[in-house]
Each structure stands twice: as structure tokens, then as C-alpha cells.
PDB file of N, CA and C in Angstrom:
ATOM      1  N   UNK A   1    -117.134-166.476-159.670  1.00  0.00           N
ATOM      2  CA  UNK A   1    -115.839-165.865-159.816  1.00  0.00           C
ATOM      3  C   UNK A   1    -115.386-165.992-161.267  1.00  0.00           C
ATOM      4  N   UNK A   2    -114.956-164.918-161.841  1.00  0.00           N
ATOM      5  CA  UNK A   2    -114.417-164.951-163.204  1.00  0.00           C
ATOM      6  C   UNK A   2    -112.990-165.508-163.148  1.00  0.00           C
ATOM      7  N   UNK A   3    -112.679-166.363-164.086  1.00  0.00           N
ATOM      8  CA  UNK A   3    -111.359-166.981-164.124  1.00  0.00           C
ATOM      9  C   UNK A   3    -110.336-165.981-164.651  1.00  0.00           C
ATOM     10  N   UNK A   4    -109.292-165.787-163.892  1.00  0.00           N
ATOM     11  CA  UNK A   4    -108.231-164.842-164.240  1.00  0.00           C
ATOM     12  C   UNK A   4    -107.288-165.464-165.280  1.00  0.00           C
ATOM     13  N   UNK A   5    -106.743-164.640-166.145  1.00  0.00           N
ATOM     14  CA  UNK A   5    -105.831-165.106-167.184  1.00  0.00           C
ATOM     15  C   UNK A   5    -104.571-165.744-166.584  1.00  0.00           C
ATOM     16  N   UNK A   6    -104.074-165.177-165.482  1.00  0.00           N
ATOM     17  CA  UNK A   6    -102.873-165.740-164.848  1.00  0.00           C
ATOM     18  C   UNK A   6    -103.134-167.155-164.354  1.00  0.00           C
ATOM     19  N   UNK A   7    -104.356-167.407-163.937  1.00  0.00           N
ATOM     20  CA  UNK A   7    -104.733-168.729-163.458  1.00  0.00           C
ATOM     21  C   UNK A   7    -104.733-169.740-164.606  1.00  0.00           C
ATOM     22  N   UNK A   8    -105.244-169.330-165.742  1.00  0.00           N
ATOM     23  CA  UNK A   8    -105.235-170.183-166.933  1.00  0.00           C
ATOM     24  C   UNK A   8    -103.796-170.470-167.356  1.00  0.00           C
ATOM     25  N   UNK A   9    -102.951-169.432-167.347  1.00  0.00           N
ATOM     26  CA  UNK A   9    -101.546-169.603-167.730  1.00  0.00           C
ATOM     27  C   UNK A   9    -100.836-170.582-166.796  1.00  0.00           C
ATOM     28  N   UNK A  10    -101.143-170.508-165.503  1.00  0.00           N
ATOM     29  CA  UNK A  10    -100.522-171.428-164.550  1.00  0.00           C
ATOM     30  C   UNK A  10    -100.977-172.870-164.775  1.00  0.00           C
ATOM     31  N   UNK A  11    -102.252-173.044-165.091  1.00  0.00           N
ATOM     32  CA  UNK A  11    -102.737-174.404-165.364  1.00  0.00           C
ATOM     33  C   UNK A  11    -102.070-174.969-166.614  1.00  0.00           C
ATOM     34  N   UNK A  12    -101.925-174.155-167.641  1.00  0.00           N
ATOM     35  CA  UNK A  12    -101.250-174.610-168.856  1.00  0.00           C
ATOM     36  C   UNK A  12     -99.799-174.981-168.533  1.00  0.00           C
ATOM     37  N   UNK A  13     -99.125-174.160-167.737  1.00  0.00           N
ATOM     38  CA  UNK A  13     -97.751-174.470-167.326  1.00  0.00           C
ATOM     39  C   UNK A  13     -97.709-175.769-166.528  1.00  0.00           C
ATOM     40  N   UNK A  14     -98.694-175.955-165.666  1.00  0.00           N
ATOM     41  CA  UNK A  14     -98.774-177.174-164.868  1.00  0.00           C
ATOM     42  C   UNK A  14     -98.932-178.410-165.756  1.00  0.00           C
ATOM     43  N   UNK A  15     -99.745-178.293-166.814  1.00  0.00           N
ATOM     44  CA  UNK A  15     -99.932-179.435-167.711  1.00  0.00           C
ATOM     45  C   UNK A  15     -98.652-179.747-168.482  1.00  0.00           C
ATOM     46  N   UNK A  16     -97.907-178.704-168.829  1.00  0.00           N
ATOM     47  CA  UNK A  16     -96.627-178.921-169.509  1.00  0.00           C
ATOM     48  C   UNK A  16     -95.657-179.676-168.605  1.00  0.00           C
ATOM     49  N   UNK A  17     -95.571-179.243-167.347  1.00  0.00           N
ATOM     50  CA  UNK A  17     -94.686-179.921-166.400  1.00  0.00           C
ATOM     51  C   UNK A  17     -95.129-181.352-166.149  1.00  0.00           C
ATOM     52  N   UNK A  18     -96.417-181.550-166.034  1.00  0.00           N
ATOM     53  CA  UNK A  18     -96.946-182.889-165.800  1.00  0.00           C
ATOM     54  C   UNK A  18     -96.652-183.818-166.981  1.00  0.00           C
ATOM     55  N   UNK A  19     -96.744-183.295-168.193  1.00  0.00           N
ATOM     56  CA  UNK A  19     -96.430-184.093-169.377  1.00  0.00           C
ATOM     57  C   UNK A  19     -94.943-184.420-169.443  1.00  0.00           C
ATOM     58  N   UNK A  20     -94.115-183.456-169.070  1.00  0.00           N
ATOM     59  CA  UNK A  20     -92.678-183.730-169.000  1.00  0.00           C
ATOM     60  C   UNK A  20     -92.377-184.787-167.942  1.00  0.00           C
ATOM     61  N   UNK A  21     -93.143-184.760-166.862  1.00  0.00           N
ATOM     62  CA  UNK A  21     -92.981-185.770-165.818  1.00  0.00           C
ATOM     63  C   UNK A  21     -93.351-187.156-166.342  1.00  0.00           C
ATOM     64  N   UNK A  22     -94.441-187.243-167.081  1.00  0.00           N
ATOM     65  CA  UNK A  22     -94.841-188.528-167.659  1.00  0.00           C
ATOM     66  C   UNK A  22     -93.779-189.032-168.639  1.00  0.00           C
ATOM     67  N   UNK A  23     -93.220-188.121-169.431  1.00  0.00           N
ATOM     68  CA  UNK A  23     -92.149-188.471-170.352  1.00  0.00           C
ATOM     69  C   UNK A  23     -90.940-189.003-169.573  1.00  0.00           C
ATOM     70  N   UNK A  24     -90.611-188.350-168.471  1.00  0.00           N
ATOM     71  CA  UNK A  24     -89.496-188.815-167.632  1.00  0.00           C
ATOM     72  C   UNK A  24     -89.800-190.165-167.005  1.00  0.00           C
ATOM     73  N   UNK A  25     -91.053-190.400-166.648  1.00  0.00           N
ATOM     74  CA  UNK A  25     -91.446-191.709-166.097  1.00  0.00           C
ATOM     75  C   UNK A  25     -91.226-192.803-167.143  1.00  0.00           C
ATOM     76  N   UNK A  26     -91.563-192.502-168.383  1.00  0.00           N
ATOM     77  CA  UNK A  26     -91.353-193.465-169.463  1.00  0.00           C
ATOM     78  C   UNK A  26     -89.864-193.774-169.599  1.00  0.00           C
ATOM     79  N   UNK A  27     -89.043-192.746-169.554  1.00  0.00           N
ATOM     80  CA  UNK A  27     -87.595-192.943-169.619  1.00  0.00           C
ATOM     81  C   UNK A  27     -87.096-193.718-168.400  1.00  0.00           C
ATOM     82  N   UNK A  28     -87.669-193.424-167.242  1.00  0.00           N
ATOM     83  CA  UNK A  28     -87.254-194.089-166.000  1.00  0.00           C
ATOM     84  C   UNK A  28     -87.621-195.564-165.997  1.00  0.00           C
ATOM     85  N   UNK A  29     -88.647-195.919-166.735  1.00  0.00           N
ATOM     86  CA  UNK A  29     -89.110-197.310-166.719  1.00  0.00           C
ATOM     87  C   UNK A  29     -88.066-198.275-167.274  1.00  0.00           C
ATOM     88  N   UNK A  30     -87.162-197.778-168.110  1.00  0.00           N
ATOM     89  CA  UNK A  30     -86.126-198.648-168.672  1.00  0.00           C
ATOM     90  C   UNK A  30     -85.176-199.158-167.586  1.00  0.00           C
ATOM     91  N   UNK A  31     -84.900-198.349-166.586  1.00  0.00           N
ATOM     92  CA  UNK A  31     -83.985-198.756-165.521  1.00  0.00           C
ATOM     93  C   UNK A  31     -84.692-199.009-164.209  1.00  0.00           C
ATOM     94  N   UNK A  32     -85.982-199.346-164.287  1.00  0.00           N
ATOM     95  CA  UNK A  32     -86.772-199.489-163.070  1.00  0.00           C
ATOM     96  C   UNK A  32     -86.464-200.793-162.346  1.00  0.00           C
ATOM     97  N   UNK A  33     -86.328-200.685-161.045  1.00  0.00           N
ATOM     98  CA  UNK A  33     -86.149-201.847-160.182  1.00  0.00           C
ATOM     99  C   UNK A  33     -86.734-201.536-158.821  1.00  0.00           C
ATOM    100  N   UNK A  34     -87.126-202.544-158.093  1.00  0.00           N
ATOM    101  CA  UNK A  34     -87.798-202.315-156.818  1.00  0.00           C
ATOM    102  C   UNK A  34     -86.852-202.220-155.620  1.00  0.00           C
ATOM    103  N   UNK A  35     -85.565-202.306-155.854  1.00  0.00           N
ATOM    104  CA  UNK A  35     -84.626-202.131-154.752  1.00  0.00           C
ATOM    105  C   UNK A  35     -84.445-200.642-154.503  1.00  0.00           C
ATOM    106  N   UNK A  36     -84.404-200.234-153.221  1.00  0.00           N
ATOM    107  CA  UNK A  36     -84.343-198.819-152.866  1.00  0.00           C
ATOM    108  C   UNK A  36     -83.135-198.126-153.499  1.00  0.00           C
ATOM    109  N   UNK A  37     -81.991-198.753-153.458  1.00  0.00           N
ATOM    110  CA  UNK A  37     -80.783-198.143-154.014  1.00  0.00           C
ATOM    111  C   UNK A  37     -80.967-197.884-155.509  1.00  0.00           C
ATOM    112  N   UNK A  38     -81.569-198.835-156.191  1.00  0.00           N
ATOM    113  CA  UNK A  38     -81.791-198.664-157.629  1.00  0.00           C
ATOM    114  C   UNK A  38     -82.822-197.560-157.888  1.00  0.00           C
ATOM    115  N   UNK A  39     -83.866-197.472-157.057  1.00  0.00           N
ATOM    116  CA  UNK A  39     -84.868-196.415-157.208  1.00  0.00           C
ATOM    117  C   UNK A  39     -84.251-195.045-156.969  1.00  0.00           C
ATOM    118  N   UNK A  40     -83.479-194.921-155.890  1.00  0.00           N
ATOM    119  CA  UNK A  40     -82.877-193.634-155.544  1.00  0.00           C
ATOM    120  C   UNK A  40     -81.891-193.175-156.607  1.00  0.00           C
ATOM    121  N   UNK A  41     -81.266-194.113-157.302  1.00  0.00           N
ATOM    122  CA  UNK A  41     -80.305-193.764-158.338  1.00  0.00           C
ATOM    123  C   UNK A  41     -80.916-193.558-159.709  1.00  0.00           C
ATOM    124  N   UNK A  42     -82.212-193.757-159.825  1.00  0.00           N
ATOM    125  CA  UNK A  42     -82.892-193.586-161.104  1.00  0.00           C
ATOM    126  C   UNK A  42     -83.235-192.102-161.264  1.00  0.00           C
ATOM    127  N   UNK A  43     -82.319-191.360-161.881  1.00  0.00           N
ATOM    128  CA  UNK A  43     -82.484-189.912-161.995  1.00  0.00           C
ATOM    129  C   UNK A  43     -83.725-189.493-162.784  1.00  0.00           C
ATOM    130  N   UNK A  44     -84.073-190.175-163.882  1.00  0.00           N
ATOM    131  CA  UNK A  44     -85.322-189.794-164.557  1.00  0.00           C
ATOM    132  C   UNK A  44     -86.551-189.965-163.655  1.00  0.00           C
ATOM    133  N   UNK A  45     -86.549-190.976-162.806  1.00  0.00           N
ATOM    134  CA  UNK A  45     -87.662-191.178-161.880  1.00  0.00           C
ATOM    135  C   UNK A  45     -87.709-190.063-160.843  1.00  0.00           C
ATOM    136  N   UNK A  46     -86.563-189.708-160.290  1.00  0.00           N
ATOM    137  CA  UNK A  46     -86.524-188.624-159.296  1.00  0.00           C
ATOM    138  C   UNK A  46     -86.935-187.295-159.933  1.00  0.00           C
ATOM    139  N   UNK A  47     -86.489-187.081-161.169  1.00  0.00           N
ATOM    140  CA  UNK A  47     -86.887-185.869-161.882  1.00  0.00           C
ATOM    141  C   UNK A  47     -88.383-185.840-162.143  1.00  0.00           C
ATOM    142  N   UNK A  48     -88.952-186.987-162.528  1.00  0.00           N
ATOM    143  CA  UNK A  48     -90.392-187.069-162.793  1.00  0.00           C
ATOM    144  C   UNK A  48     -91.195-186.772-161.538  1.00  0.00           C
ATOM    145  N   UNK A  49     -90.790-187.366-160.428  1.00  0.00           N
ATOM    146  CA  UNK A  49     -91.507-187.123-159.166  1.00  0.00           C
ATOM    147  C   UNK A  49     -91.425-185.654-158.767  1.00  0.00           C
ATOM    148  N   UNK A  50     -90.279-185.043-158.982  1.00  0.00           N
ATOM    149  CA  UNK A  50     -90.121-183.618-158.678  1.00  0.00           C
ATOM    150  C   UNK A  50     -91.017-182.768-159.569  1.00  0.00           C
ATOM    151  N   UNK A  51     -91.063-183.106-160.857  1.00  0.00           N
ATOM    152  CA  UNK A  51     -91.917-182.348-161.782  1.00  0.00           C
ATOM    153  C   UNK A  51     -93.389-182.492-161.433  1.00  0.00           C
ATOM    154  N   UNK A  52     -93.799-183.700-161.049  1.00  0.00           N
ATOM    155  CA  UNK A  52     -95.195-183.892-160.635  1.00  0.00           C
ATOM    156  C   UNK A  52     -95.524-183.050-159.399  1.00  0.00           C
ATOM    157  N   UNK A  53     -94.593-182.994-158.456  1.00  0.00           N
ATOM    158  CA  UNK A  53     -94.816-182.204-157.244  1.00  0.00           C
ATOM    159  C   UNK A  53     -94.938-180.717-157.581  1.00  0.00           C
ATOM    160  N   UNK A  54     -94.014-180.210-158.398  1.00  0.00           N
ATOM    161  CA  UNK A  54     -94.061-178.799-158.793  1.00  0.00           C
ATOM    162  C   UNK A  54     -95.344-178.502-159.556  1.00  0.00           C
ATOM    163  N   UNK A  55     -95.742-179.412-160.421  1.00  0.00           N
ATOM    164  CA  UNK A  55     -96.979-179.248-161.176  1.00  0.00           C
ATOM    165  C   UNK A  55     -98.193-179.152-160.247  1.00  0.00           C
ATOM    166  N   UNK A  56     -98.210-180.001-159.229  1.00  0.00           N
ATOM    167  CA  UNK A  56     -99.327-179.976-158.269  1.00  0.00           C
ATOM    168  C   UNK A  56     -99.373-178.659-157.494  1.00  0.00           C
ATOM    169  N   UNK A  57     -98.224-178.160-157.079  1.00  0.00           N
ATOM    170  CA  UNK A  57     -98.173-176.895-156.344  1.00  0.00           C
ATOM    171  C   UNK A  57     -98.655-175.748-157.227  1.00  0.00           C
ATOM    172  N   UNK A  58     -98.217-175.732-158.483  1.00  0.00           N
ATOM    173  CA  UNK A  58     -98.661-174.688-159.416  1.00  0.00           C
ATOM    174  C   UNK A  58    -100.169-174.766-159.617  1.00  0.00           C
ATOM    175  N   UNK A  59    -100.717-175.980-159.711  1.00  0.00           N
ATOM    176  CA  UNK A  59    -102.166-176.140-159.879  1.00  0.00           C
ATOM    177  C   UNK A  59    -102.931-175.585-158.688  1.00  0.00           C
ATOM    178  N   UNK A  60    -102.447-175.853-157.495  1.00  0.00           N
ATOM    179  CA  UNK A  60    -103.113-175.348-156.285  1.00  0.00           C
ATOM    180  C   UNK A  60    -103.149-173.823-156.303  1.00  0.00           C
ATOM    181  N   UNK A  61    -102.040-173.216-156.677  1.00  0.00           N
ATOM    182  CA  UNK A  61    -101.991-171.748-156.760  1.00  0.00           C
ATOM    183  C   UNK A  61    -102.970-171.258-157.829  1.00  0.00           C
ATOM    184  N   UNK A  62    -103.003-171.938-158.971  1.00  0.00           N
ATOM    185  CA  UNK A  62    -103.881-171.524-160.074  1.00  0.00           C
ATOM    186  C   UNK A  62    -105.351-171.601-159.683  1.00  0.00           C
ATOM    187  N   UNK A  63    -105.720-172.598-158.898  1.00  0.00           N
ATOM    188  CA  UNK A  63    -107.126-172.766-158.513  1.00  0.00           C
ATOM    189  C   UNK A  63    -107.653-171.584-157.706  1.00  0.00           C
ATOM    190  N   UNK A  64    -106.765-170.820-157.098  1.00  0.00           N
ATOM    191  CA  UNK A  64    -107.195-169.630-156.356  1.00  0.00           C
ATOM    192  C   UNK A  64    -107.764-168.563-157.272  1.00  0.00           C
ATOM    193  N   UNK A  65    -107.383-168.616-158.566  1.00  0.00           N
ATOM    194  CA  UNK A  65    -107.758-167.532-159.461  1.00  0.00           C
ATOM    195  C   UNK A  65    -108.865-167.833-160.441  1.00  0.00           C
ATOM    196  N   UNK A  66    -109.625-168.907-160.202  1.00  0.00           N
ATOM    197  CA  UNK A  66    -110.661-169.166-161.181  1.00  0.00           C
ATOM    198  C   UNK A  66    -111.594-170.289-160.827  1.00  0.00           C
ATOM    199  N   UNK A  67    -112.523-170.533-161.736  1.00  0.00           N
ATOM    200  CA  UNK A  67    -113.534-171.568-161.562  1.00  0.00           C
ATOM    201  C   UNK A  67    -112.964-172.941-161.910  1.00  0.00           C
ATOM    202  N   UNK A  68    -113.286-173.919-161.099  1.00  0.00           N
ATOM    203  CA  UNK A  68    -112.866-175.282-161.386  1.00  0.00           C
ATOM    204  C   UNK A  68    -113.453-175.773-162.698  1.00  0.00           C
ATOM    205  N   UNK A  69    -114.655-175.322-163.022  1.00  0.00           N
ATOM    206  CA  UNK A  69    -115.304-175.774-164.253  1.00  0.00           C
ATOM    207  C   UNK A  69    -114.573-175.293-165.499  1.00  0.00           C
ATOM    208  N   UNK A  70    -113.706-174.313-165.352  1.00  0.00           N
ATOM    209  CA  UNK A  70    -112.877-173.844-166.456  1.00  0.00           C
ATOM    210  C   UNK A  70    -111.470-174.436-166.357  1.00  0.00           C
ATOM    211  N   UNK A  71    -110.903-174.428-165.159  1.00  0.00           N
ATOM    212  CA  UNK A  71    -109.504-174.819-164.992  1.00  0.00           C
ATOM    213  C   UNK A  71    -109.260-176.328-165.074  1.00  0.00           C
ATOM    214  N   UNK A  72    -110.125-177.123-164.495  1.00  0.00           N
ATOM    215  CA  UNK A  72    -109.895-178.573-164.511  1.00  0.00           C
ATOM    216  C   UNK A  72    -109.951-179.145-165.931  1.00  0.00           C
ATOM    217  N   UNK A  73    -110.904-178.747-166.764  1.00  0.00           N
ATOM    218  CA  UNK A  73    -110.854-179.258-168.142  1.00  0.00           C
ATOM    219  C   UNK A  73    -109.582-178.873-168.896  1.00  0.00           C
ATOM    220  N   UNK A  74    -108.985-177.743-168.534  1.00  0.00           N
ATOM    221  CA  UNK A  74    -107.724-177.365-169.172  1.00  0.00           C
ATOM    222  C   UNK A  74    -106.619-178.369-168.870  1.00  0.00           C
ATOM    223  N   UNK A  75    -106.758-179.103-167.790  1.00  0.00           N
ATOM    224  CA  UNK A  75    -105.772-180.128-167.455  1.00  0.00           C
ATOM    225  C   UNK A  75    -105.727-181.217-168.528  1.00  0.00           C
ATOM    226  N   UNK A  76    -106.751-181.283-169.357  1.00  0.00           N
ATOM    227  CA  UNK A  76    -106.763-182.245-170.466  1.00  0.00           C
ATOM    228  C   UNK A  76    -105.674-181.942-171.490  1.00  0.00           C
ATOM    229  N   UNK A  77    -105.120-180.745-171.443  1.00  0.00           N
ATOM    230  CA  UNK A  77    -104.008-180.425-172.327  1.00  0.00           C
ATOM    231  C   UNK A  77    -102.830-181.362-172.080  1.00  0.00           C
ATOM    232  N   UNK A  78    -102.805-181.953-170.909  1.00  0.00           N
ATOM    233  CA  UNK A  78    -101.782-182.930-170.565  1.00  0.00           C
ATOM    234  C   UNK A  78    -101.686-184.017-171.638  1.00  0.00           C
ATOM    235  N   UNK A  79    -102.828-184.491-172.135  1.00  0.00           N
ATOM    236  CA  UNK A  79    -102.855-185.522-173.168  1.00  0.00           C
ATOM    237  C   UNK A  79    -102.256-185.023-174.475  1.00  0.00           C
ATOM    238  N   UNK A  80    -102.514-183.777-174.781  1.00  0.00           N
ATOM    239  CA  UNK A  80    -101.990-183.187-176.010  1.00  0.00           C
ATOM    240  C   UNK A  80    -100.472-183.099-175.935  1.00  0.00           C
ATOM    241  N   UNK A  81     -99.967-182.514-174.841  1.00  0.00           N
ATOM    242  CA  UNK A  81     -98.512-182.367-174.693  1.00  0.00           C
ATOM    243  C   UNK A  81     -97.819-183.729-174.665  1.00  0.00           C
ATOM    244  N   UNK A  82     -98.390-184.672-173.931  1.00  0.00           N
ATOM    245  CA  UNK A  82     -97.777-186.006-173.837  1.00  0.00           C
ATOM    246  C   UNK A  82     -97.711-186.671-175.207  1.00  0.00           C
ATOM    247  N   UNK A  83     -98.748-186.519-176.005  1.00  0.00           N
ATOM    248  CA  UNK A  83     -98.757-187.096-177.347  1.00  0.00           C
ATOM    249  C   UNK A  83     -97.675-186.463-178.220  1.00  0.00           C
ATOM    250  N   UNK A  84     -97.553-185.150-178.143  1.00  0.00           N
ATOM    251  CA  UNK A  84     -96.526-184.464-178.932  1.00  0.00           C
ATOM    252  C   UNK A  84     -95.125-184.893-178.514  1.00  0.00           C
ATOM    253  N   UNK A  85     -94.889-185.011-177.217  1.00  0.00           N
ATOM    254  CA  UNK A  85     -93.586-185.467-176.724  1.00  0.00           C
ATOM    255  C   UNK A  85     -93.291-186.893-177.180  1.00  0.00           C
ATOM    256  N   UNK A  86     -94.301-187.749-177.112  1.00  0.00           N
ATOM    257  CA  UNK A  86     -94.114-189.152-177.503  1.00  0.00           C
ATOM    258  C   UNK A  86     -93.782-189.278-178.984  1.00  0.00           C
ATOM    259  N   UNK A  87     -94.438-188.495-179.804  1.00  0.00           N
ATOM    260  CA  UNK A  87     -94.177-188.543-181.248  1.00  0.00           C
ATOM    261  C   UNK A  87     -92.780-187.987-181.543  1.00  0.00           C
ATOM    262  N   UNK A  88     -92.467-186.873-180.930  1.00  0.00           N
ATOM    263  CA  UNK A  88     -91.194-186.193-181.230  1.00  0.00           C
ATOM    264  C   UNK A  88     -89.982-186.938-180.696  1.00  0.00           C
ATOM    265  N   UNK A  89     -90.030-187.371-179.433  1.00  0.00           N
ATOM    266  CA  UNK A  89     -88.829-187.896-178.790  1.00  0.00           C
ATOM    267  C   UNK A  89     -88.802-189.414-178.629  1.00  0.00           C
ATOM    268  N   UNK A  90     -89.975-190.048-178.611  1.00  0.00           N
ATOM    269  CA  UNK A  90     -90.023-191.500-178.463  1.00  0.00           C
ATOM    270  C   UNK A  90     -90.353-192.200-179.779  1.00  0.00           C
ATOM    271  N   UNK A  91     -90.570-191.401-180.809  1.00  0.00           N
ATOM    272  CA  UNK A  91     -90.856-191.895-182.156  1.00  0.00           C
ATOM    273  C   UNK A  91     -92.095-192.796-182.191  1.00  0.00           C
ATOM    274  N   UNK A  92     -93.076-192.455-181.348  1.00  0.00           N
ATOM    275  CA  UNK A  92     -94.358-193.157-181.396  1.00  0.00           C
ATOM    276  C   UNK A  92     -95.164-192.596-182.555  1.00  0.00           C
ATOM    277  N   UNK A  93     -96.121-193.359-183.012  1.00  0.00           N
ATOM    278  CA  UNK A  93     -96.906-192.922-184.164  1.00  0.00           C
ATOM    279  C   UNK A  93     -98.309-192.509-183.729  1.00  0.00           C
ATOM    280  N   UNK A  94     -98.854-191.587-184.496  1.00  0.00           N
ATOM    281  CA  UNK A  94    -100.223-191.136-184.284  1.00  0.00           C
ATOM    282  C   UNK A  94    -101.052-191.642-185.457  1.00  0.00           C
ATOM    283  N   UNK A  95    -102.133-192.364-185.145  1.00  0.00           N
ATOM    284  CA  UNK A  95    -103.047-192.774-186.205  1.00  0.00           C
ATOM    285  C   UNK A  95    -104.247-191.828-186.224  1.00  0.00           C
ATOM    286  N   UNK A  96    -105.186-192.102-187.115  1.00  0.00           N
ATOM    287  CA  UNK A  96    -106.352-191.210-187.249  1.00  0.00           C
ATOM    288  C   UNK A  96    -107.155-191.110-185.967  1.00  0.00           C
ATOM    289  N   UNK A  97    -107.290-192.211-185.230  1.00  0.00           N
ATOM    290  CA  UNK A  97    -108.083-192.202-183.998  1.00  0.00           C
ATOM    291  C   UNK A  97    -107.431-191.348-182.923  1.00  0.00           C
ATOM    292  N   UNK A  98    -106.127-191.450-182.819  1.00  0.00           N
ATOM    293  CA  UNK A  98    -105.418-190.631-181.827  1.00  0.00           C
ATOM    294  C   UNK A  98    -105.511-189.150-182.178  1.00  0.00           C
ATOM    295  N   UNK A  99    -105.345-188.850-183.450  1.00  0.00           N
ATOM    296  CA  UNK A  99    -105.458-187.451-183.893  1.00  0.00           C
ATOM    297  C   UNK A  99    -106.874-186.932-183.647  1.00  0.00           C
ATOM    298  N   UNK A 100    -107.872-187.759-183.955  1.00  0.00           N
ATOM    299  CA  UNK A 100    -109.267-187.358-183.709  1.00  0.00           C
ATOM    300  C   UNK A 100    -109.491-187.100-182.215  1.00  0.00           C
ATOM    301  N   UNK A 101    -108.905-187.927-181.377  1.00  0.00           N
ATOM    302  CA  UNK A 101    -109.033-187.733-179.936  1.00  0.00           C
ATOM    303  C   UNK A 101    -108.432-186.412-179.480  1.00  0.00           C
ATOM    304  N   UNK A 102    -107.258-186.085-180.007  1.00  0.00           N
ATOM    305  CA  UNK A 102    -106.604-184.816-179.670  1.00  0.00           C
ATOM    306  C   UNK A 102    -107.466-183.639-180.134  1.00  0.00           C
ATOM    307  N   UNK A 103    -108.013-183.739-181.339  1.00  0.00           N
ATOM    308  CA  UNK A 103    -108.875-182.671-181.861  1.00  0.00           C
ATOM    309  C   UNK A 103    -110.110-182.516-180.976  1.00  0.00           C
ATOM    310  N   UNK A 104    -110.715-183.621-180.569  1.00  0.00           N
ATOM    311  CA  UNK A 104    -111.893-183.547-179.697  1.00  0.00           C
ATOM    312  C   UNK A 104    -111.556-182.927-178.343  1.00  0.00           C
ATOM    313  N   UNK A 105    -110.396-183.252-177.811  1.00  0.00           N
ATOM    314  CA  UNK A 105    -109.973-182.637-176.550  1.00  0.00           C
ATOM    315  C   UNK A 105    -109.866-181.126-176.723  1.00  0.00           C
ATOM    316  N   UNK A 106    -109.216-180.700-177.804  1.00  0.00           N
ATOM    317  CA  UNK A 106    -109.058-179.263-178.048  1.00  0.00           C
ATOM    318  C   UNK A 106    -110.413-178.573-178.246  1.00  0.00           C
ATOM    319  N   UNK A 107    -111.321-179.225-178.974  1.00  0.00           N
ATOM    320  CA  UNK A 107    -112.655-178.648-179.168  1.00  0.00           C
ATOM    321  C   UNK A 107    -113.403-178.553-177.832  1.00  0.00           C
ATOM    322  N   UNK A 108    -113.280-179.581-177.016  1.00  0.00           N
ATOM    323  CA  UNK A 108    -113.932-179.573-175.719  1.00  0.00           C
ATOM    324  C   UNK A 108    -113.411-178.471-174.815  1.00  0.00           C
ATOM    325  N   UNK A 109    -112.100-178.303-174.787  1.00  0.00           N
ATOM    326  CA  UNK A 109    -111.505-177.229-173.974  1.00  0.00           C
ATOM    327  C   UNK A 109    -111.978-175.866-174.466  1.00  0.00           C
ATOM    328  N   UNK A 110    -112.032-175.716-175.785  1.00  0.00           N
ATOM    329  CA  UNK A 110    -112.490-174.442-176.366  1.00  0.00           C
ATOM    330  C   UNK A 110    -113.941-174.179-176.005  1.00  0.00           C
ATOM    331  N   UNK A 111    -114.796-175.208-176.108  1.00  0.00           N
ATOM    332  CA  UNK A 111    -116.220-175.041-175.778  1.00  0.00           C
ATOM    333  C   UNK A 111    -116.404-174.665-174.321  1.00  0.00           C
ATOM    334  N   UNK A 112    -115.665-175.288-173.443  1.00  0.00           N
ATOM    335  CA  UNK A 112    -115.779-174.961-172.018  1.00  0.00           C
ATOM    336  C   UNK A 112    -115.298-173.548-171.762  1.00  0.00           C
ATOM    337  N   UNK A 113    -114.196-173.151-172.403  1.00  0.00           N
ATOM    338  CA  UNK A 113    -113.688-171.792-172.239  1.00  0.00           C
ATOM    339  C   UNK A 113    -114.669-170.761-172.744  1.00  0.00           C
ATOM    340  N   UNK A 114    -115.316-171.042-173.852  1.00  0.00           N
ATOM    341  CA  UNK A 114    -116.293-170.099-174.389  1.00  0.00           C
ATOM    342  C   UNK A 114    -117.533-170.054-173.505  1.00  0.00           C
ATOM    343  N   UNK A 115    -117.878-171.179-172.908  1.00  0.00           N
ATOM    344  CA  UNK A 115    -119.027-171.204-172.007  1.00  0.00           C
ATOM    345  C   UNK A 115    -118.809-170.349-170.768  1.00  0.00           C
ATOM    346  N   UNK A 116    -117.555-170.259-170.335  1.00  0.00           N
ATOM    347  CA  UNK A 116    -117.234-169.427-169.181  1.00  0.00           C
ATOM    348  C   UNK A 116    -117.305-167.945-169.513  1.00  0.00           C
ATOM    349  N   UNK A 117    -117.144-167.613-170.800  1.00  0.00           N
ATOM    350  CA  UNK A 117    -117.149-166.204-171.205  1.00  0.00           C
ATOM    351  C   UNK A 117    -118.548-165.666-171.449  1.00  0.00           C
ATOM    352  N   UNK A 118    -119.523-166.559-171.620  1.00  0.00           N
ATOM    353  CA  UNK A 118    -120.870-166.083-171.944  1.00  0.00           C
ATOM    354  C   UNK A 118    -121.644-165.657-170.735  1.00  0.00           C
TER     355      UNK A 118
END
């Protein structure tokens, strides 16, 4: 089955939502407690769980339109988005190794995408 462009777009959207969910989890960790009332009142945690759920549903829909060997590696974009969010909003730093890792992820995704086109 040839992977449809809409399927790729949905996977990319899913990775964006998943990265936003991870960012919300990081924010939620500041007010984390194991008491149910405290968990239910932790809005960043509830938002993160909702984003993860929506991301999973979008991924399931996307898988209908393409090959897993193309779509699953695209999920690695999650690392790229999460790194960008962490640098921008959490003021985390990127060193040479982290940047090299991001570049390798992008090269790997590109190689897999090109392999599907040949």
C-alpha cells in the first residue's frame, strides 16, 4: 500500500499533540501528588492525558492510510518537537550531542521516506 499524504500529515499532527502532552506533563509534575483530589485538580495533567488520548486516536486513523514502515518512524518527530518546546519554554539547553541526535533523527526519517518512494 502506498502511504497517502493525508496519513503522513495526521501522524505529524499526532506527534505535535504528543509533544505538547509531554510538555504539559512536565508542567504538571510541579503540582503532582498522589491524592485523588490533587490529581483531579491538576489541570496540566488532565490536559496532558487528553492530548495523549487525542494523539492516539489521530494515529489510529492515520495508520489506515499507509505503511507502518513509513508512518511509525515519523513518530520520532516527537523528540524533535519536545526538544524545541523544552528549549523555547522551559529554557533547557541543547548541547552538540543533543543537536547531533536531532539531526540524525531527521536524516533517518528522510531516508525512510525516500525508501518508501523508490
